[in-house]
Amino acid sequence: MFKFEDVKLVQLPAKILRNKSKDVPLPLEKEDEKLIQKMIFHVDSSQEEGSQFRPAVGVAAIQYGIEKNIFYIMIKDKEEIIFKDALVNPVLLAHSESKLALNEGEGCLSVKEEEPNQEGYVCRYARVVAEAYSYFEKKVKRYDLVGYAAIVFQHEYDHLQGKLFIDHINKKDPWKLPKNCEVI
């Protein structure tokens, strides 16, 4: 259905990445269904051996230049799926006080690997509770995510707010870990 050429990503310094996305009407319209199917194709294909895509666990609509409150996440551990869904109109309801950061830092499809000032810890809540329309279950549901899944959720959720992971890095001392943040 989709090909590599169908996926056109927006990257910094594109200003649209700093725009806040807008809610999507439910039930989903055909164009939104097609957008989500493209996101699924993109992320799932990126995790296959020999893929032409840069590896990814998630993508937000804004990364295609579309200001819609939609993102897709697919996290696998070997062949076991840890989390897989497209979330529409997500709302963050609650979060932990404790925070986590990935030991190697974060990356983003919209930030070229050569872009300066992207190394460093990105401290995010260790647990988040959110509500969103589930593309696969076709209903609004509550998500309770911990650890790596919570980090990925917040990374994608930030995109909908016009934020990027680099905004969270301490500019003076990027590898300095705050007291309430643990490295995983």
N, C-alpha and C. Protein backbone atom coordinates (compact mmCIF):
# COMPACT_ATOMS: atom_id res chain seq x y z
N MET A 1 0.82 -1.20 0.00
CA MET A 1 0.00 0.00 0.00
C MET A 1 0.87 1.26 0.00
N PHE A 2 1.81 1.36 0.95
CA PHE A 2 2.72 2.51 0.99
C PHE A 2 4.10 2.07 0.56
N LYS A 3 4.89 3.06 0.10
CA LYS A 3 6.27 2.81 -0.28
C LYS A 3 7.16 3.79 0.49
N PHE A 4 8.44 3.53 0.48
CA PHE A 4 9.43 4.38 1.13
C PHE A 4 9.25 5.85 0.71
N GLU A 5 9.01 6.07 -0.57
CA GLU A 5 8.89 7.43 -1.12
C GLU A 5 7.66 8.17 -0.59
N ASP A 6 6.67 7.45 -0.08
CA ASP A 6 5.44 8.07 0.43
C ASP A 6 5.65 8.77 1.78
N VAL A 7 6.76 8.47 2.45
CA VAL A 7 7.01 9.00 3.79
C VAL A 7 7.99 10.18 3.69
N LYS A 8 7.45 11.38 3.87
CA LYS A 8 8.27 12.59 3.81
C LYS A 8 8.27 13.24 5.20
N LEU A 9 9.41 13.21 5.84
CA LEU A 9 9.54 13.76 7.19
C LEU A 9 9.94 15.22 7.18
N VAL A 10 9.43 15.95 8.15
CA VAL A 10 9.81 17.34 8.38
C VAL A 10 10.92 17.31 9.43
N GLN A 11 11.99 18.06 9.18
CA GLN A 11 13.11 18.10 10.13
C GLN A 11 13.45 19.54 10.48
N LEU A 12 14.12 19.69 11.63
CA LEU A 12 14.62 21.01 11.99
C LEU A 12 15.46 21.54 10.85
N PRO A 13 15.41 22.80 10.56
CA PRO A 13 14.83 23.90 11.33
C PRO A 13 13.37 24.24 10.98
N ALA A 14 12.62 23.33 10.36
CA ALA A 14 11.24 23.62 9.96
C ALA A 14 10.42 24.13 11.15
N LYS A 15 9.83 25.29 10.99
CA LYS A 15 9.08 25.94 12.08
C LYS A 15 7.82 25.18 12.48
N ILE A 16 7.23 24.42 11.57
CA ILE A 16 5.99 23.70 11.89
C ILE A 16 6.17 22.75 13.06
N LEU A 17 7.39 22.25 13.28
CA LEU A 17 7.65 21.35 14.40
C LEU A 17 7.39 22.02 15.75
N ARG A 18 7.36 23.35 15.76
CA ARG A 18 7.13 24.11 16.99
C ARG A 18 5.66 24.49 17.17
N ASN A 19 4.81 24.08 16.22
CA ASN A 19 3.37 24.38 16.33
C ASN A 19 2.67 23.36 17.19
N LYS A 20 1.64 23.82 17.88
CA LYS A 20 0.80 22.93 18.69
C LYS A 20 -0.21 22.26 17.76
N SER A 21 -0.37 20.96 17.89
CA SER A 21 -1.31 20.23 17.05
C SER A 21 -2.74 20.41 17.56
N LYS A 22 -3.68 20.05 16.69
CA LYS A 22 -5.10 20.23 17.01
C LYS A 22 -5.81 18.88 17.09
N ASP A 23 -6.88 18.85 17.92
CA ASP A 23 -7.65 17.62 18.06
C ASP A 23 -8.28 17.20 16.74
N VAL A 24 -8.51 15.90 16.64
CA VAL A 24 -9.06 15.28 15.44
C VAL A 24 -10.50 14.86 15.73
N PRO A 25 -11.43 15.12 14.80
CA PRO A 25 -12.82 14.70 15.04
C PRO A 25 -12.94 13.17 15.04
N LEU A 26 -13.82 12.70 15.91
CA LEU A 26 -14.12 11.26 15.99
C LEU A 26 -15.58 11.06 15.61
N PRO A 27 -15.95 9.98 14.93
CA PRO A 27 -15.07 8.93 14.43
C PRO A 27 -14.07 9.47 13.40
N LEU A 28 -12.99 8.73 13.23
CA LEU A 28 -11.93 9.15 12.32
C LEU A 28 -12.43 9.27 10.89
N GLU A 29 -11.95 10.32 10.23
CA GLU A 29 -12.26 10.49 8.81
C GLU A 29 -11.27 9.66 8.01
N LYS A 30 -11.61 9.42 6.74
CA LYS A 30 -10.77 8.58 5.86
C LYS A 30 -9.33 9.09 5.79
N GLU A 31 -9.15 10.40 5.69
CA GLU A 31 -7.78 10.94 5.58
C GLU A 31 -6.97 10.68 6.85
N ASP A 32 -7.63 10.68 8.01
CA ASP A 32 -6.93 10.39 9.26
C ASP A 32 -6.60 8.91 9.37
N GLU A 33 -7.50 8.06 8.90
CA GLU A 33 -7.23 6.61 8.86
C GLU A 33 -6.00 6.35 7.98
N LYS A 34 -5.95 7.01 6.83
CA LYS A 34 -4.83 6.81 5.90
C LYS A 34 -3.52 7.32 6.52
N LEU A 35 -3.58 8.45 7.21
CA LEU A 35 -2.41 9.00 7.89
C LEU A 35 -1.88 8.00 8.93
N ILE A 36 -2.77 7.44 9.72
CA ILE A 36 -2.37 6.47 10.75
C ILE A 36 -1.77 5.21 10.10
N GLN A 37 -2.36 4.76 9.01
CA GLN A 37 -1.82 3.59 8.32
C GLN A 37 -0.41 3.87 7.78
N LYS A 38 -0.18 5.11 7.34
CA LYS A 38 1.17 5.48 6.88
C LYS A 38 2.14 5.48 8.06
N MET A 39 1.70 5.98 9.22
CA MET A 39 2.55 6.00 10.41
C MET A 39 2.92 4.57 10.81
N ILE A 40 1.95 3.68 10.79
CA ILE A 40 2.17 2.27 11.13
C ILE A 40 3.18 1.65 10.16
N PHE A 41 2.97 1.87 8.87
CA PHE A 41 3.90 1.37 7.85
C PHE A 41 5.31 1.89 8.11
N HIS A 42 5.42 3.18 8.38
CA HIS A 42 6.72 3.82 8.57
C HIS A 42 7.47 3.22 9.77
N VAL A 43 6.85 3.25 10.95
CA VAL A 43 7.51 2.78 12.17
C VAL A 43 7.77 1.27 12.12
N ASP A 44 6.75 0.51 11.75
CA ASP A 44 6.92 -0.95 11.71
C ASP A 44 8.00 -1.35 10.71
N SER A 45 8.01 -0.71 9.53
CA SER A 45 9.03 -1.02 8.52
C SER A 45 10.42 -0.63 9.00
N SER A 46 10.51 0.46 9.77
CA SER A 46 11.82 0.94 10.24
C SER A 46 12.49 -0.06 11.17
N GLN A 47 11.70 -0.95 11.76
CA GLN A 47 12.25 -1.92 12.71
C GLN A 47 12.61 -3.25 12.04
N GLU A 48 12.38 -3.34 10.74
CA GLU A 48 12.70 -4.57 10.01
C GLU A 48 14.16 -4.55 9.55
N GLU A 49 14.73 -5.72 9.46
CA GLU A 49 16.11 -5.89 8.98
C GLU A 49 16.23 -5.30 7.57
N GLY A 50 17.27 -4.48 7.35
CA GLY A 50 17.53 -3.91 6.03
C GLY A 50 16.59 -2.79 5.61
N SER A 51 15.86 -2.22 6.54
CA SER A 51 14.92 -1.14 6.20
C SER A 51 15.65 0.09 5.66
N GLN A 52 14.98 0.81 4.75
CA GLN A 52 15.53 2.07 4.23
C GLN A 52 15.29 3.21 5.23
N PHE A 53 14.38 3.01 6.18
CA PHE A 53 14.05 4.04 7.15
C PHE A 53 15.04 4.04 8.32
N ARG A 54 15.25 5.22 8.89
CA ARG A 54 15.99 5.33 10.15
C ARG A 54 15.15 4.64 11.22
N PRO A 55 15.75 3.80 12.07
CA PRO A 55 14.98 3.07 13.08
C PRO A 55 14.17 4.00 13.99
N ALA A 56 12.92 3.60 14.28
CA ALA A 56 12.02 4.42 15.10
C ALA A 56 11.10 3.53 15.92
N VAL A 57 10.67 4.06 17.07
CA VAL A 57 9.64 3.39 17.87
C VAL A 57 8.35 4.20 17.89
N GLY A 58 8.41 5.41 17.34
CA GLY A 58 7.21 6.25 17.30
C GLY A 58 7.35 7.38 16.32
N VAL A 59 6.20 7.93 15.94
CA VAL A 59 6.17 9.10 15.05
C VAL A 59 4.86 9.84 15.31
N ALA A 60 4.93 11.17 15.23
CA ALA A 60 3.75 12.02 15.41
C ALA A 60 3.37 12.65 14.07
N ALA A 61 2.09 12.95 13.90
CA ALA A 61 1.60 13.53 12.64
C ALA A 61 2.36 14.80 12.27
N ILE A 62 2.70 15.61 13.25
CA ILE A 62 3.40 16.87 12.99
C ILE A 62 4.74 16.63 12.29
N GLN A 63 5.32 15.45 12.47
CA GLN A 63 6.59 15.13 11.83
C GLN A 63 6.45 14.94 10.32
N TYR A 64 5.19 14.83 9.86
CA TYR A 64 4.91 14.82 8.42
C TYR A 64 4.38 16.19 7.98
N GLY A 65 4.41 17.16 8.90
CA GLY A 65 3.91 18.49 8.59
C GLY A 65 2.40 18.62 8.74
N ILE A 66 1.78 17.70 9.49
CA ILE A 66 0.32 17.68 9.68
C ILE A 66 0.02 17.96 11.15
N GLU A 67 -0.64 19.07 11.41
CA GLU A 67 -0.91 19.52 12.79
C GLU A 67 -2.12 18.82 13.39
N LYS A 68 -2.01 17.53 13.60
CA LYS A 68 -3.10 16.74 14.18
C LYS A 68 -2.60 16.00 15.41
N ASN A 69 -3.45 15.92 16.43
CA ASN A 69 -3.10 15.24 17.68
C ASN A 69 -3.16 13.71 17.52
N ILE A 70 -2.19 13.21 16.80
CA ILE A 70 -2.08 11.77 16.56
C ILE A 70 -0.61 11.37 16.62
N PHE A 71 -0.34 10.27 17.31
CA PHE A 71 0.98 9.65 17.19
C PHE A 71 0.84 8.14 17.28
N TYR A 72 1.85 7.46 16.77
CA TYR A 72 1.87 6.00 16.75
C TYR A 72 3.14 5.53 17.43
N ILE A 73 3.00 4.50 18.27
CA ILE A 73 4.14 3.90 18.97
C ILE A 73 4.10 2.39 18.77
N MET A 74 5.27 1.82 18.50
CA MET A 74 5.40 0.37 18.46
C MET A 74 6.74 0.01 19.08
N ILE A 75 6.64 -0.62 20.27
CA ILE A 75 7.84 -1.02 21.01
C ILE A 75 7.87 -2.54 21.09
N LYS A 76 8.99 -3.11 20.63
CA LYS A 76 9.18 -4.56 20.66
C LYS A 76 10.41 -4.88 21.49
N ASP A 77 10.37 -6.03 22.15
CA ASP A 77 11.55 -6.58 22.80
C ASP A 77 11.76 -7.93 22.14
N LYS A 78 12.76 -7.99 21.29
CA LYS A 78 12.95 -9.13 20.39
C LYS A 78 11.69 -9.25 19.54
N GLU A 79 10.93 -10.30 19.65
CA GLU A 79 9.70 -10.43 18.85
C GLU A 79 8.44 -10.14 19.65
N GLU A 80 8.59 -9.91 20.96
CA GLU A 80 7.42 -9.63 21.80
C GLU A 80 7.05 -8.14 21.73
N ILE A 81 5.78 -7.87 21.44
CA ILE A 81 5.32 -6.48 21.37
C ILE A 81 5.00 -6.00 22.78
N ILE A 82 5.66 -4.92 23.20
CA ILE A 82 5.47 -4.32 24.52
C ILE A 82 4.31 -3.32 24.47
N PHE A 83 4.27 -2.53 23.39
CA PHE A 83 3.21 -1.53 23.21
C PHE A 83 3.05 -1.27 21.72
N LYS A 84 1.80 -1.23 21.26
CA LYS A 84 1.54 -0.92 19.86
C LYS A 84 0.15 -0.30 19.76
N ASP A 85 0.11 1.00 19.41
CA ASP A 85 -1.17 1.65 19.18
C ASP A 85 -0.93 3.04 18.59
N ALA A 86 -1.94 3.51 17.88
CA ALA A 86 -1.96 4.90 17.44
C ALA A 86 -2.91 5.62 18.39
N LEU A 87 -2.43 6.66 19.02
CA LEU A 87 -3.22 7.41 20.00
C LEU A 87 -3.71 8.71 19.36
N VAL A 88 -5.01 8.90 19.45
CA VAL A 88 -5.64 10.08 18.86
C VAL A 88 -6.16 10.98 19.99
N ASN A 89 -5.85 12.25 19.92
CA ASN A 89 -6.26 13.24 20.92
C ASN A 89 -5.85 12.84 22.34
N PRO A 90 -4.59 12.45 22.55
CA PRO A 90 -4.16 12.04 23.89
C PRO A 90 -4.16 13.19 24.88
N VAL A 91 -4.48 12.86 26.13
CA VAL A 91 -4.46 13.83 27.22
C VAL A 91 -3.69 13.19 28.37
N LEU A 92 -2.69 13.90 28.89
CA LEU A 92 -1.93 13.42 30.03
C LEU A 92 -2.73 13.71 31.29
N LEU A 93 -3.09 12.67 32.03
CA LEU A 93 -3.93 12.82 33.22
C LEU A 93 -3.13 12.90 34.51
N ALA A 94 -2.06 12.12 34.61
CA ALA A 94 -1.27 12.07 35.84
C ALA A 94 0.13 11.55 35.51
N HIS A 95 1.04 11.82 36.43
CA HIS A 95 2.41 11.33 36.26
C HIS A 95 3.06 11.15 37.62
N SER A 96 4.12 10.37 37.62
CA SER A 96 4.89 10.13 38.85
C SER A 96 5.74 11.35 39.17
N GLU A 97 6.25 11.36 40.39
CA GLU A 97 7.24 12.38 40.77
C GLU A 97 8.61 11.95 40.27
N SER A 98 8.87 10.64 40.34
CA SER A 98 10.17 10.12 39.92
C SER A 98 10.31 10.22 38.40
N LYS A 99 11.56 10.34 37.99
CA LYS A 99 11.84 10.49 36.56
C LYS A 99 12.90 9.49 36.11
N LEU A 100 12.92 9.27 34.80
CA LEU A 100 13.88 8.37 34.17
C LEU A 100 14.50 9.06 32.97
N ALA A 101 15.72 8.64 32.64
CA ALA A 101 16.38 9.10 31.42
C ALA A 101 17.07 7.90 30.78
N LEU A 102 17.12 7.88 29.47
CA LEU A 102 17.82 6.82 28.76
C LEU A 102 19.33 7.07 28.86
N ASN A 103 20.09 6.02 29.12
CA ASN A 103 21.54 6.20 29.35
C ASN A 103 22.26 6.78 28.14
N GLU A 104 21.75 6.53 26.94
CA GLU A 104 22.42 7.07 25.75
C GLU A 104 21.75 8.36 25.25
N GLY A 105 20.75 8.86 25.99
CA GLY A 105 20.01 10.03 25.54
C GLY A 105 18.92 9.63 24.57
N GLU A 106 18.24 10.59 23.99
CA GLU A 106 17.16 10.32 23.04
C GLU A 106 17.58 10.76 21.65
N GLY A 107 16.82 10.32 20.68
CA GLY A 107 16.99 10.73 19.29
C GLY A 107 15.62 11.00 18.71
N CYS A 108 15.59 11.57 17.52
CA CYS A 108 14.31 11.93 16.91
C CYS A 108 14.46 11.95 15.40
N LEU A 109 13.45 11.45 14.71
CA LEU A 109 13.46 11.45 13.25
C LEU A 109 13.47 12.87 12.68
N SER A 110 12.99 13.84 13.45
CA SER A 110 12.94 15.22 12.97
C SER A 110 14.18 16.03 13.35
N VAL A 111 15.14 15.37 14.01
CA VAL A 111 16.40 16.02 14.35
C VAL A 111 17.51 15.18 13.72
N LYS A 112 18.16 15.75 12.71
CA LYS A 112 19.22 15.01 12.01
C LYS A 112 20.29 14.58 13.00
N GLU A 113 20.88 13.42 12.77
CA GLU A 113 21.89 12.90 13.68
C GLU A 113 23.10 13.82 13.81
N GLU A 114 23.35 14.63 12.76
CA GLU A 114 24.50 15.55 12.82
C GLU A 114 24.17 16.86 13.53
N GLU A 115 22.90 17.10 13.82
CA GLU A 115 22.47 18.35 14.49
C GLU A 115 23.23 18.50 15.82
N PRO A 116 23.79 19.69 16.10
CA PRO A 116 24.52 19.88 17.36
C PRO A 116 23.59 19.95 18.58
N ASN A 117 24.17 19.80 19.76
CA ASN A 117 23.49 19.96 21.05
C ASN A 117 22.31 19.01 21.28
N GLN A 118 22.45 17.77 20.85
CA GLN A 118 21.37 16.81 21.11
C GLN A 118 21.83 15.65 22.00
N GLU A 119 23.07 15.70 22.46
CA GLU A 119 23.54 14.69 23.39
C GLU A 119 23.24 15.16 24.80
N GLY A 120 22.79 14.24 25.64
CA GLY A 120 22.54 14.57 27.03
C GLY A 120 21.31 13.85 27.56
N TYR A 121 21.15 13.90 28.87
CA TYR A 121 20.00 13.24 29.50
C TYR A 121 18.73 14.04 29.26
N VAL A 122 17.66 13.30 29.00
CA VAL A 122 16.32 13.87 28.89
C VAL A 122 15.51 13.19 29.98
N CYS A 123 15.31 13.89 31.10
CA CYS A 123 14.57 13.31 32.22
C CYS A 123 13.07 13.43 32.00
N ARG A 124 12.41 12.28 32.07
CA ARG A 124 10.96 12.23 31.86
C ARG A 124 10.32 11.46 33.01
N TYR A 125 9.01 11.63 33.18
CA TYR A 125 8.31 10.93 34.25
C TYR A 125 8.43 9.42 34.07
N ALA A 126 8.67 8.71 35.17
CA ALA A 126 8.83 7.26 35.14
C ALA A 126 7.51 6.54 34.86
N ARG A 127 6.41 7.22 35.17
CA ARG A 127 5.08 6.65 34.93
C ARG A 127 4.13 7.76 34.50
N VAL A 128 3.32 7.47 33.49
CA VAL A 128 2.28 8.41 33.05
C VAL A 128 0.96 7.68 32.89
N VAL A 129 -0.10 8.42 33.17
CA VAL A 129 -1.46 7.92 32.92
C VAL A 129 -2.07 8.90 31.92
N ALA A 130 -2.59 8.35 30.84
CA ALA A 130 -3.16 9.20 29.79
C ALA A 130 -4.45 8.59 29.27
N GLU A 131 -5.20 9.42 28.58
CA GLU A 131 -6.42 8.96 27.94
C GLU A 131 -6.33 9.37 26.48
N ALA A 132 -6.76 8.48 25.59
CA ALA A 132 -6.72 8.77 24.16
C ALA A 132 -7.67 7.80 23.44
N TYR A 133 -7.99 8.16 22.22
CA TYR A 133 -8.75 7.26 21.36
C TYR A 133 -7.76 6.25 20.79
N SER A 134 -8.03 4.97 20.98
CA SER A 134 -7.17 3.91 20.48
C SER A 134 -7.57 3.55 19.06
N TYR A 135 -6.63 3.65 18.14
CA TYR A 135 -6.90 3.30 16.74
C TYR A 135 -7.27 1.83 16.60
N PHE A 136 -6.59 0.97 17.33
CA PHE A 136 -6.83 -0.47 17.19
C PHE A 136 -8.09 -0.94 17.90
N GLU A 137 -8.41 -0.34 19.04
CA GLU A 137 -9.59 -0.76 19.79
C GLU A 137 -10.84 0.06 19.45
N LYS A 138 -10.65 1.13 18.69
CA LYS A 138 -11.76 1.99 18.22
C LYS A 138 -12.60 2.54 19.37
N LYS A 139 -11.91 2.96 20.45
CA LYS A 139 -12.61 3.57 21.58
C LYS A 139 -11.62 4.39 22.40
N VAL A 140 -12.17 5.30 23.21
CA VAL A 140 -11.33 6.07 24.11
C VAL A 140 -10.96 5.16 25.28
N LYS A 141 -9.69 5.13 25.62
CA LYS A 141 -9.26 4.27 26.72
C LYS A 141 -8.16 4.95 27.53
N ARG A 142 -7.91 4.38 28.69
CA ARG A 142 -6.88 4.90 29.59
C ARG A 142 -5.62 4.05 29.41
N TYR A 143 -4.49 4.73 29.39
CA TYR A 143 -3.19 4.07 29.26
C TYR A 143 -2.39 4.36 30.53
N ASP A 144 -1.80 3.33 31.11
CA ASP A 144 -0.95 3.48 32.29
C ASP A 144 0.42 2.92 31.88
N LEU A 145 1.36 3.81 31.63
CA LEU A 145 2.64 3.41 31.07
C LEU A 145 3.78 3.69 32.04
N VAL A 146 4.72 2.75 32.08
CA VAL A 146 5.88 2.89 32.96
C VAL A 146 7.16 2.64 32.17
N GLY A 147 8.27 3.15 32.72
CA GLY A 147 9.58 2.88 32.14
C GLY A 147 9.74 3.41 30.72
N TYR A 148 10.32 2.58 29.87
CA TYR A 148 10.62 2.97 28.49
C TYR A 148 9.36 3.41 27.73
N ALA A 149 8.26 2.69 27.91
CA ALA A 149 7.01 3.05 27.21
C ALA A 149 6.55 4.45 27.64
N ALA A 150 6.71 4.79 28.92
CA ALA A 150 6.33 6.12 29.41
C ALA A 150 7.22 7.19 28.77
N ILE A 151 8.51 6.89 28.62
CA ILE A 151 9.45 7.83 27.99
C ILE A 151 9.04 8.08 26.54
N VAL A 152 8.77 7.01 25.80
CA VAL A 152 8.39 7.14 24.39
C VAL A 152 7.08 7.92 24.26
N PHE A 153 6.11 7.61 25.12
CA PHE A 153 4.84 8.34 25.10
C PHE A 153 5.10 9.84 25.26
N GLN A 154 5.92 10.23 26.24
CA GLN A 154 6.17 11.64 26.49
C GLN A 154 6.92 12.31 25.35
N HIS A 155 7.83 11.57 24.71
CA HIS A 155 8.55 12.10 23.55
C HIS A 155 7.57 12.45 22.44
N GLU A 156 6.65 11.52 22.14
CA GLU A 156 5.67 11.75 21.07
C GLU A 156 4.65 12.81 21.49
N TYR A 157 4.23 12.77 22.73
CA TYR A 157 3.26 13.75 23.25
C TYR A 157 3.84 15.17 23.16
N ASP A 158 5.14 15.29 23.44
CA ASP A 158 5.82 16.59 23.30
C ASP A 158 5.67 17.14 21.89
N HIS A 159 5.78 16.27 20.88
CA HIS A 159 5.63 16.72 19.50
C HIS A 159 4.30 17.44 19.30
N LEU A 160 3.24 16.92 19.91
CA LEU A 160 1.92 17.52 19.75
C LEU A 160 1.85 18.90 20.41
N GLN A 161 2.75 19.15 21.37
CA GLN A 161 2.80 20.44 22.07
C GLN A 161 3.79 21.40 21.41
N GLY A 162 4.42 20.97 20.33
CA GLY A 162 5.42 21.81 19.65
C GLY A 162 6.78 21.79 20.32
N LYS A 163 7.05 20.72 21.08
CA LYS A 163 8.33 20.60 21.78
C LYS A 163 9.14 19.44 21.21
N LEU A 164 10.46 19.53 21.38
CA LEU A 164 11.37 18.48 20.95
C LEU A 164 12.22 18.03 22.13
N PHE A 165 12.78 16.84 22.04
CA PHE A 165 13.58 16.30 23.15
C PHE A 165 14.74 17.21 23.51
N ILE A 166 15.29 17.90 22.53
CA ILE A 166 16.44 18.77 22.78
C ILE A 166 16.10 19.92 23.73
N ASP A 167 14.81 20.26 23.83
CA ASP A 167 14.38 21.33 24.74
C ASP A 167 14.58 20.93 26.20
N HIS A 168 14.67 19.63 26.49
CA HIS A 168 14.79 19.13 27.85
C HIS A 168 16.24 18.94 28.31
N ILE A 169 17.18 19.09 27.40
CA ILE A 169 18.59 18.85 27.73
C ILE A 169 19.19 20.08 28.41
N ASN A 170 19.90 19.85 29.51
CA ASN A 170 20.59 20.92 30.22
C ASN A 170 21.71 21.45 29.30
N LYS A 171 21.55 22.68 28.86
CA LYS A 171 22.50 23.25 27.88
C LYS A 171 23.91 23.43 28.46
N LYS A 172 24.01 23.74 29.74
CA LYS A 172 25.33 23.97 30.36
C LYS A 172 26.05 22.67 30.68
N ASP A 173 25.31 21.66 31.13
CA ASP A 173 25.91 20.39 31.55
C ASP A 173 24.97 19.25 31.13
N PRO A 174 25.00 18.86 29.84
CA PRO A 174 24.02 17.92 29.29
C PRO A 174 23.98 16.54 29.98
N TRP A 175 25.08 16.10 30.57
CA TRP A 175 25.10 14.77 31.19
C TRP A 175 24.99 14.84 32.71
N LYS A 176 24.62 16.00 33.23
CA LYS A 176 24.40 16.13 34.67
C LYS A 176 22.99 15.61 34.98
N LEU A 177 22.93 14.69 35.92
CA LEU A 177 21.65 14.05 36.25
C LEU A 177 21.01 14.72 37.46
N PRO A 178 19.80 15.24 37.32
CA PRO A 178 19.10 15.81 38.48
C PRO A 178 18.85 14.74 39.55
N LYS A 179 18.63 15.16 40.78
CA LYS A 179 18.48 14.22 41.91
C LYS A 179 17.32 13.23 41.73
N ASN A 180 16.19 13.66 41.22
CA ASN A 180 15.02 12.77 41.13
C ASN A 180 14.95 12.00 39.81
N CYS A 181 16.07 11.89 39.11
CA CYS A 181 16.08 11.22 37.80
C CYS A 181 17.06 10.04 37.82
N GLU A 182 16.57 8.89 37.40
CA GLU A 182 17.36 7.66 37.36
C GLU A 182 17.63 7.28 35.90
N VAL A 183 18.78 6.75 35.63
CA VAL A 183 19.15 6.34 34.28
C VAL A 183 18.78 4.87 34.06
N ILE A 184 18.17 4.61 32.89
CA ILE A 184 17.86 3.21 32.52
C ILE A 184 18.53 2.87 31.20
